[in-house]
C-alpha cells in the first residue's frame, strides 16, 4: 500500500510517498509513531483510504492509496 504524505507530514517524513505493508490504519499510525520526526504527528493526523476518511480500525488492503493529513489551521 502507498502512503502519500501531505504538508507537515511530508516535511516530517522527508518523502512524498512511501510503501508499507500493514493491516490497518492503527498499525500504520504505530509504525510511523516509532519514527522520531513523526511521533506526535502520527497521533493527531487524519488518514484517508482510497479517498474516504478512515478510522484506526480501517483495513488497508493491498494496493490501497492512503493519505496522511496533518491537522490544518485556518479556513
PDB file of N, CA and C in Angstrom:
ATOM      1  N   UNK A   1       0.837  -1.146   0.000  1.00  0.00           N
ATOM      2  CA  UNK A   1       0.000   0.000   0.000  1.00  0.00           C
ATOM      3  C   UNK A   1       0.894   1.224   0.000  1.00  0.00           C
ATOM      4  N   UNK A   2       0.434   2.273  -0.669  1.00  0.00           N
ATOM      5  CA  UNK A   2       1.200   3.502  -0.795  1.00  0.00           C
ATOM      6  C   UNK A   2       0.614   4.571   0.110  1.00  0.00           C
ATOM      7  N   UNK A   3       1.480   5.210   0.882  1.00  0.00           N
ATOM      8  CA  UNK A   3       1.069   6.332   1.729  1.00  0.00           C
ATOM      9  C   UNK A   3       1.608   7.605   1.097  1.00  0.00           C
ATOM     10  N   UNK A   4       0.704   8.561   0.907  1.00  0.00           N
ATOM     11  CA  UNK A   4       1.092   9.896   0.434  1.00  0.00           C
ATOM     12  C   UNK A   4       1.049  10.828   1.634  1.00  0.00           C
ATOM     13  N   UNK A   5       2.145  11.529   1.846  1.00  0.00           N
ATOM     14  CA  UNK A   5       2.251  12.463   2.965  1.00  0.00           C
ATOM     15  C   UNK A   5       1.964  13.872   2.470  1.00  0.00           C
ATOM     16  N   UNK A   6       1.192  14.630   3.243  1.00  0.00           N
ATOM     17  CA  UNK A   6       0.803  15.982   2.856  1.00  0.00           C
ATOM     18  C   UNK A   6       1.292  16.996   3.885  1.00  0.00           C
ATOM     19  N   UNK A   7       1.668  18.182   3.403  1.00  0.00           N
ATOM     20  CA  UNK A   7       2.045  19.343   4.224  1.00  0.00           C
ATOM     21  C   UNK A   7       3.110  18.952   5.256  1.00  0.00           C
ATOM     22  N   UNK A   8       2.843  19.193   6.537  1.00  0.00           N
ATOM     23  CA  UNK A   8       3.812  18.913   7.592  1.00  0.00           C
ATOM     24  C   UNK A   8       4.193  17.449   7.686  1.00  0.00           C
ATOM     25  N   UNK A   9       3.292  16.561   7.304  1.00  0.00           N
ATOM     26  CA  UNK A   9       3.612  15.126   7.311  1.00  0.00           C
ATOM     27  C   UNK A   9       4.691  14.831   6.277  1.00  0.00           C
ATOM     28  N   UNK A  10       4.630  15.504   5.144  1.00  0.00           N
ATOM     29  CA  UNK A  10       5.641  15.310   4.105  1.00  0.00           C
ATOM     30  C   UNK A  10       6.994  15.831   4.582  1.00  0.00           C
ATOM     31  N   UNK A  11       6.985  16.971   5.237  1.00  0.00           N
ATOM     32  CA  UNK A  11       8.244  17.510   5.771  1.00  0.00           C
ATOM     33  C   UNK A  11       8.833  16.562   6.813  1.00  0.00           C
ATOM     34  N   UNK A  12       8.001  16.026   7.687  1.00  0.00           N
ATOM     35  CA  UNK A  12       8.480  15.115   8.728  1.00  0.00           C
ATOM     36  C   UNK A  12       8.979  13.801   8.137  1.00  0.00           C
ATOM     37  N   UNK A  13       8.291  13.288   7.132  1.00  0.00           N
ATOM     38  CA  UNK A  13       8.679  12.021   6.510  1.00  0.00           C
ATOM     39  C   UNK A  13       9.908  12.168   5.624  1.00  0.00           C
ATOM     40  N   UNK A  14      10.067  13.346   5.036  1.00  0.00           N
ATOM     41  CA  UNK A  14      11.190  13.578   4.138  1.00  0.00           C
ATOM     42  C   UNK A  14      10.978  13.036   2.735  1.00  0.00           C
ATOM     43  N   UNK A  15       9.787  12.509   2.471  1.00  0.00           N
ATOM     44  CA  UNK A  15       9.437  11.979   1.153  1.00  0.00           C
ATOM     45  C   UNK A  15       7.971  12.289   0.873  1.00  0.00           C
ATOM     46  N   UNK A  16       7.582  12.239  -0.399  1.00  0.00           N
ATOM     47  CA  UNK A  16       6.177  12.456  -0.763  1.00  0.00           C
ATOM     48  C   UNK A  16       5.344  11.199  -0.579  1.00  0.00           C
ATOM     49  N   UNK A  17       5.919  10.054  -0.905  1.00  0.00           N
ATOM     50  CA  UNK A  17       5.202   8.778  -0.796  1.00  0.00           C
ATOM     51  C   UNK A  17       6.133   7.718  -0.242  1.00  0.00           C
ATOM     52  N   UNK A  18       5.505   6.683   0.317  1.00  0.00           N
ATOM     53  CA  UNK A  18       6.284   5.559   0.841  1.00  0.00           C
ATOM     54  C   UNK A  18       5.404   4.312   0.826  1.00  0.00           C
ATOM     55  N   UNK A  19       6.025   3.168   0.626  1.00  0.00           N
ATOM     56  CA  UNK A  19       5.315   1.887   0.598  1.00  0.00           C
ATOM     57  C   UNK A  19       5.364   1.230   1.979  1.00  0.00           C
ATOM     58  N   UNK A  20       4.238   0.669   2.400  1.00  0.00           N
ATOM     59  CA  UNK A  20       4.162  -0.053   3.669  1.00  0.00           C
ATOM     60  C   UNK A  20       3.361  -1.330   3.472  1.00  0.00           C
ATOM     61  N   UNK A  21       3.569  -2.276   4.371  1.00  0.00           N
ATOM     62  CA  UNK A  21       2.766  -3.493   4.418  1.00  0.00           C
ATOM     63  C   UNK A  21       2.259  -3.638   5.846  1.00  0.00           C
ATOM     64  N   UNK A  22       1.090  -3.062   6.105  1.00  0.00           N
ATOM     65  CA  UNK A  22       0.436  -3.151   7.402  1.00  0.00           C
ATOM     66  C   UNK A  22      -1.029  -3.480   7.168  1.00  0.00           C
ATOM     67  N   UNK A  23      -1.715  -3.902   8.210  1.00  0.00           N
ATOM     68  CA  UNK A  23      -3.083  -4.378   8.065  1.00  0.00           C
ATOM     69  C   UNK A  23      -4.160  -3.325   8.317  1.00  0.00           C
ATOM     70  N   UNK A  24      -3.850  -2.300   9.113  1.00  0.00           N
ATOM     71  CA  UNK A  24      -4.877  -1.315   9.475  1.00  0.00           C
ATOM     72  C   UNK A  24      -4.261   0.064   9.635  1.00  0.00           C
ATOM     73  N   UNK A  25      -5.122   1.067   9.696  1.00  0.00           N
ATOM     74  CA  UNK A  25      -4.662   2.437   9.937  1.00  0.00           C
ATOM     75  C   UNK A  25      -3.939   2.495  11.278  1.00  0.00           C
ATOM     76  N   UNK A  26      -4.448   1.810  12.279  1.00  0.00           N
ATOM     77  CA  UNK A  26      -3.802   1.811  13.585  1.00  0.00           C
ATOM     78  C   UNK A  26      -2.388   1.238  13.503  1.00  0.00           C
ATOM     79  N   UNK A  27      -2.209   0.163  12.741  1.00  0.00           N
ATOM     80  CA  UNK A  27      -0.872  -0.403  12.555  1.00  0.00           C
ATOM     81  C   UNK A  27       0.052   0.620  11.903  1.00  0.00           C
ATOM     82  N   UNK A  28      -0.451   1.324  10.909  1.00  0.00           N
ATOM     83  CA  UNK A  28       0.340   2.345  10.227  1.00  0.00           C
ATOM     84  C   UNK A  28       0.684   3.476  11.191  1.00  0.00           C
ATOM     85  N   UNK A  29      -0.294   3.921  11.964  1.00  0.00           N
ATOM     86  CA  UNK A  29      -0.081   5.000  12.935  1.00  0.00           C
ATOM     87  C   UNK A  29       1.036   4.613  13.923  1.00  0.00           C
ATOM     88  N   UNK A  30       0.999   3.372  14.422  1.00  0.00           N
ATOM     89  CA  UNK A  30       2.030   2.914  15.372  1.00  0.00           C
ATOM     90  C   UNK A  30       3.399   2.816  14.716  1.00  0.00           C
ATOM     91  N   UNK A  31       3.448   2.343  13.484  1.00  0.00           N
ATOM     92  CA  UNK A  31       4.714   2.241  12.764  1.00  0.00           C
ATOM     93  C   UNK A  31       5.334   3.629  12.574  1.00  0.00           C
ATOM     94  N   UNK A  32       4.508   4.577  12.179  1.00  0.00           N
ATOM     95  CA  UNK A  32       5.013   5.938  11.980  1.00  0.00           C
ATOM     96  C   UNK A  32       5.398   6.598  13.298  1.00  0.00           C
ATOM     97  N   UNK A  33       4.680   6.294  14.375  1.00  0.00           N
ATOM     98  CA  UNK A  33       4.961   6.883  15.682  1.00  0.00           C
ATOM     99  C   UNK A  33       6.348   6.507  16.192  1.00  0.00           C
ATOM    100  N   UNK A  34       6.882   5.392  15.722  1.00  0.00           N
ATOM    101  CA  UNK A  34       8.211   4.953  16.145  1.00  0.00           C
ATOM    102  C   UNK A  34       9.324   5.809  15.546  1.00  0.00           C
ATOM    103  N   UNK A  35       8.990   6.613  14.563  1.00  0.00           N
ATOM    104  CA  UNK A  35       9.982   7.497  13.936  1.00  0.00           C
ATOM    105  C   UNK A  35      10.018   8.813  14.718  1.00  0.00           C
ATOM    106  N   UNK A  36      11.214   9.226  15.145  1.00  0.00           N
ATOM    107  CA  UNK A  36      11.299  10.438  15.974  1.00  0.00           C
ATOM    108  C   UNK A  36      10.613  11.664  15.369  1.00  0.00           C
ATOM    109  N   UNK A  37      10.777  11.895  14.091  1.00  0.00           N
ATOM    110  CA  UNK A  37      10.203  13.094  13.470  1.00  0.00           C
ATOM    111  C   UNK A  37       8.687  13.012  13.312  1.00  0.00           C
ATOM    112  N   UNK A  38       8.122  11.816  13.445  1.00  0.00           N
ATOM    113  CA  UNK A  38       6.691  11.659  13.178  1.00  0.00           C
ATOM    114  C   UNK A  38       5.893  11.210  14.397  1.00  0.00           C
ATOM    115  N   UNK A  39       6.541  11.060  15.548  1.00  0.00           N
ATOM    116  CA  UNK A  39       5.880  10.533  16.726  1.00  0.00           C
ATOM    117  C   UNK A  39       4.580  11.227  17.085  1.00  0.00           C
ATOM    118  N   UNK A  40       4.637  12.513  17.399  1.00  0.00           N
ATOM    119  CA  UNK A  40       3.436  13.240  17.794  1.00  0.00           C
ATOM    120  C   UNK A  40       2.487  13.417  16.618  1.00  0.00           C
ATOM    121  N   UNK A  41       3.031  13.700  15.463  1.00  0.00           N
ATOM    122  CA  UNK A  41       2.214  13.933  14.280  1.00  0.00           C
ATOM    123  C   UNK A  41       1.340  12.725  13.951  1.00  0.00           C
ATOM    124  N   UNK A  42       1.877  11.546  14.094  1.00  0.00           N
ATOM    125  CA  UNK A  42       1.097  10.348  13.757  1.00  0.00           C
ATOM    126  C   UNK A  42      -0.106  10.176  14.672  1.00  0.00           C
ATOM    127  N   UNK A  43      -0.040  10.715  15.882  1.00  0.00           N
ATOM    128  CA  UNK A  43      -1.163  10.571  16.807  1.00  0.00           C
ATOM    129  C   UNK A  43      -2.298  11.543  16.531  1.00  0.00           C
ATOM    130  N   UNK A  44      -2.034  12.629  15.807  1.00  0.00           N
ATOM    131  CA  UNK A  44      -3.069  13.639  15.550  1.00  0.00           C
ATOM    132  C   UNK A  44      -3.469  13.733  14.076  1.00  0.00           C
ATOM    133  N   UNK A  45      -2.773  13.016  13.217  1.00  0.00           N
ATOM    134  CA  UNK A  45      -3.067  13.073  11.782  1.00  0.00           C
ATOM    135  C   UNK A  45      -4.367  12.349  11.459  1.00  0.00           C
ATOM    136  N   UNK A  46      -4.970  12.762  10.350  1.00  0.00           N
ATOM    137  CA  UNK A  46      -6.121  12.063   9.788  1.00  0.00           C
ATOM    138  C   UNK A  46      -5.629  11.217   8.625  1.00  0.00           C
ATOM    139  N   UNK A  47      -6.352  10.136   8.359  1.00  0.00           N
ATOM    140  CA  UNK A  47      -5.979   9.253   7.265  1.00  0.00           C
ATOM    141  C   UNK A  47      -7.166   9.049   6.339  1.00  0.00           C
ATOM    142  N   UNK A  48      -6.897   9.103   5.055  1.00  0.00           N
ATOM    143  CA  UNK A  48      -7.886   8.770   4.031  1.00  0.00           C
ATOM    144  C   UNK A  48      -7.418   7.487   3.356  1.00  0.00           C
ATOM    145  N   UNK A  49      -8.339   6.568   3.145  1.00  0.00           N
ATOM    146  CA  UNK A  49      -8.025   5.338   2.428  1.00  0.00           C
ATOM    147  C   UNK A  49      -8.856   5.341   1.155  1.00  0.00           C
ATOM    148  N   UNK A  50      -8.163   5.368   0.031  1.00  0.00           N
ATOM    149  CA  UNK A  50      -8.815   5.457  -1.274  1.00  0.00           C
ATOM    150  C   UNK A  50      -9.817   6.605  -1.312  1.00  0.00           C
ATOM    151  N   UNK A  51      -9.421   7.735  -0.717  1.00  0.00           N
ATOM    152  CA  UNK A  51     -10.211   8.960  -0.768  1.00  0.00           C
ATOM    153  C   UNK A  51     -11.272   9.112   0.288  1.00  0.00           C
ATOM    154  N   UNK A  52     -11.469   8.126   1.163  1.00  0.00           N
ATOM    155  CA  UNK A  52     -12.507   8.197   2.194  1.00  0.00           C
ATOM    156  C   UNK A  52     -11.864   8.254   3.576  1.00  0.00           C
ATOM    157  N   UNK A  53     -12.432   9.099   4.444  1.00  0.00           N
ATOM    158  CA  UNK A  53     -11.951   9.203   5.820  1.00  0.00           C
ATOM    159  C   UNK A  53     -11.920   7.817   6.449  1.00  0.00           C
ATOM    160  N   UNK A  54     -10.837   7.505   7.175  1.00  0.00           N
ATOM    161  CA  UNK A  54     -10.679   6.170   7.745  1.00  0.00           C
ATOM    162  C   UNK A  54     -10.287   6.258   9.210  1.00  0.00           C
ATOM    163  N   UNK A  55     -10.975   5.502  10.033  1.00  0.00           N
ATOM    164  CA  UNK A  55     -10.641   5.396  11.446  1.00  0.00           C
ATOM    165  C   UNK A  55      -9.525   4.396  11.661  1.00  0.00           C
ATOM    166  N   UNK A  56      -9.078   4.295  12.898  1.00  0.00           N
ATOM    167  CA  UNK A  56      -7.950   3.416  13.213  1.00  0.00           C
ATOM    168  C   UNK A  56      -8.212   1.949  12.891  1.00  0.00           C
ATOM    169  N   UNK A  57      -9.443   1.516  12.956  1.00  0.00           N
ATOM    170  CA  UNK A  57      -9.761   0.107  12.685  1.00  0.00           C
ATOM    171  C   UNK A  57      -9.914  -0.196  11.195  1.00  0.00           C
ATOM    172  N   UNK A  58      -9.813   0.821  10.351  1.00  0.00           N
ATOM    173  CA  UNK A  58      -9.994   0.612   8.903  1.00  0.00           C
ATOM    174  C   UNK A  58      -8.898  -0.293   8.357  1.00  0.00           C
ATOM    175  N   UNK A  59      -9.277  -1.310   7.589  1.00  0.00           N
ATOM    176  CA  UNK A  59      -8.275  -2.177   6.979  1.00  0.00           C
ATOM    177  C   UNK A  59      -7.562  -1.468   5.833  1.00  0.00           C
ATOM    178  N   UNK A  60      -6.348  -1.913   5.576  1.00  0.00           N
ATOM    179  CA  UNK A  60      -5.554  -1.366   4.477  1.00  0.00           C
ATOM    180  C   UNK A  60      -5.245  -2.493   3.500  1.00  0.00           C
ATOM    181  N   UNK A  61      -6.104  -2.661   2.508  1.00  0.00           N
ATOM    182  CA  UNK A  61      -5.899  -3.747   1.544  1.00  0.00           C
ATOM    183  C   UNK A  61      -4.696  -3.471   0.639  1.00  0.00           C
ATOM    184  N   UNK A  62      -4.171  -4.535   0.053  1.00  0.00           N
ATOM    185  CA  UNK A  62      -3.083  -4.384  -0.921  1.00  0.00           C
ATOM    186  C   UNK A  62      -3.529  -3.424  -2.007  1.00  0.00           C
ATOM    187  N   UNK A  63      -2.647  -2.541  -2.392  1.00  0.00           N
ATOM    188  CA  UNK A  63      -2.952  -1.603  -3.457  1.00  0.00           C
ATOM    189  C   UNK A  63      -3.700  -0.362  -3.028  1.00  0.00           C
ATOM    190  N   UNK A  64      -4.016  -0.242  -1.738  1.00  0.00           N
ATOM    191  CA  UNK A  64      -4.746   0.937  -1.262  1.00  0.00           C
ATOM    192  C   UNK A  64      -3.872   2.181  -1.382  1.00  0.00           C
ATOM    193  N   UNK A  65      -4.534   3.314  -1.608  1.00  0.00           N
ATOM    194  CA  UNK A  65      -3.866   4.613  -1.591  1.00  0.00           C
ATOM    195  C   UNK A  65      -4.273   5.290  -0.290  1.00  0.00           C
ATOM    196  N   UNK A  66      -3.295   5.592   0.550  1.00  0.00           N
ATOM    197  CA  UNK A  66      -3.546   6.190   1.859  1.00  0.00           C
ATOM    198  C   UNK A  66      -2.944   7.582   1.879  1.00  0.00           C
ATOM    199  N   UNK A  67      -3.723   8.550   2.327  1.00  0.00           N
ATOM    200  CA  UNK A  67      -3.225   9.917   2.502  1.00  0.00           C
ATOM    201  C   UNK A  67      -3.124  10.218   3.975  1.00  0.00           C
ATOM    202  N   UNK A  68      -1.972  10.710   4.407  1.00  0.00           N
ATOM    203  CA  UNK A  68      -1.769  11.146   5.789  1.00  0.00           C
ATOM    204  C   UNK A  68      -1.850  12.658   5.810  1.00  0.00           C
ATOM    205  N   UNK A  69      -2.859  13.160   6.511  1.00  0.00           N
ATOM    206  CA  UNK A  69      -3.096  14.592   6.565  1.00  0.00           C
ATOM    207  C   UNK A  69      -2.883  15.119   7.973  1.00  0.00           C
ATOM    208  N   UNK A  70      -1.918  16.016   8.160  1.00  0.00           N
ATOM    209  CA  UNK A  70      -1.740  16.602   9.486  1.00  0.00           C
ATOM    210  C   UNK A  70      -2.872  17.573   9.757  1.00  0.00           C
ATOM    211  N   UNK A  71      -3.056  17.971  11.014  1.00  0.00           N
ATOM    212  CA  UNK A  71      -4.083  18.982  11.300  1.00  0.00           C
ATOM    213  C   UNK A  71      -3.746  20.269  10.537  1.00  0.00           C
ATOM    214  N   UNK A  72      -4.766  20.912  10.013  1.00  0.00           N
ATOM    215  CA  UNK A  72      -4.579  22.169   9.280  1.00  0.00           C
ATOM    216  C   UNK A  72      -5.181  23.296  10.093  1.00  0.00           C
ATOM    217  N   UNK A  73      -4.543  24.440  10.106  1.00  0.00           N
ATOM    218  CA  UNK A  73      -5.066  25.611  10.793  1.00  0.00           C
ATOM    219  C   UNK A  73      -5.760  26.515   9.778  1.00  0.00           C
ATOM    220  N   UNK A  74      -6.691  27.288  10.252  1.00  0.00           N
ATOM    221  CA  UNK A  74      -7.346  28.263   9.392  1.00  0.00           C
ATOM    222  C   UNK A  74      -8.563  27.705   8.702  1.00  0.00           C
ATOM    223  N   UNK A  75      -9.049  28.425   7.667  1.00  0.00           N
ATOM    224  CA  UNK A  75     -10.288  28.123   6.988  1.00  0.00           C
ATOM    225  C   UNK A  75     -10.182  27.006   6.070  1.00  0.00           C
TER     226      UNK A  75
END
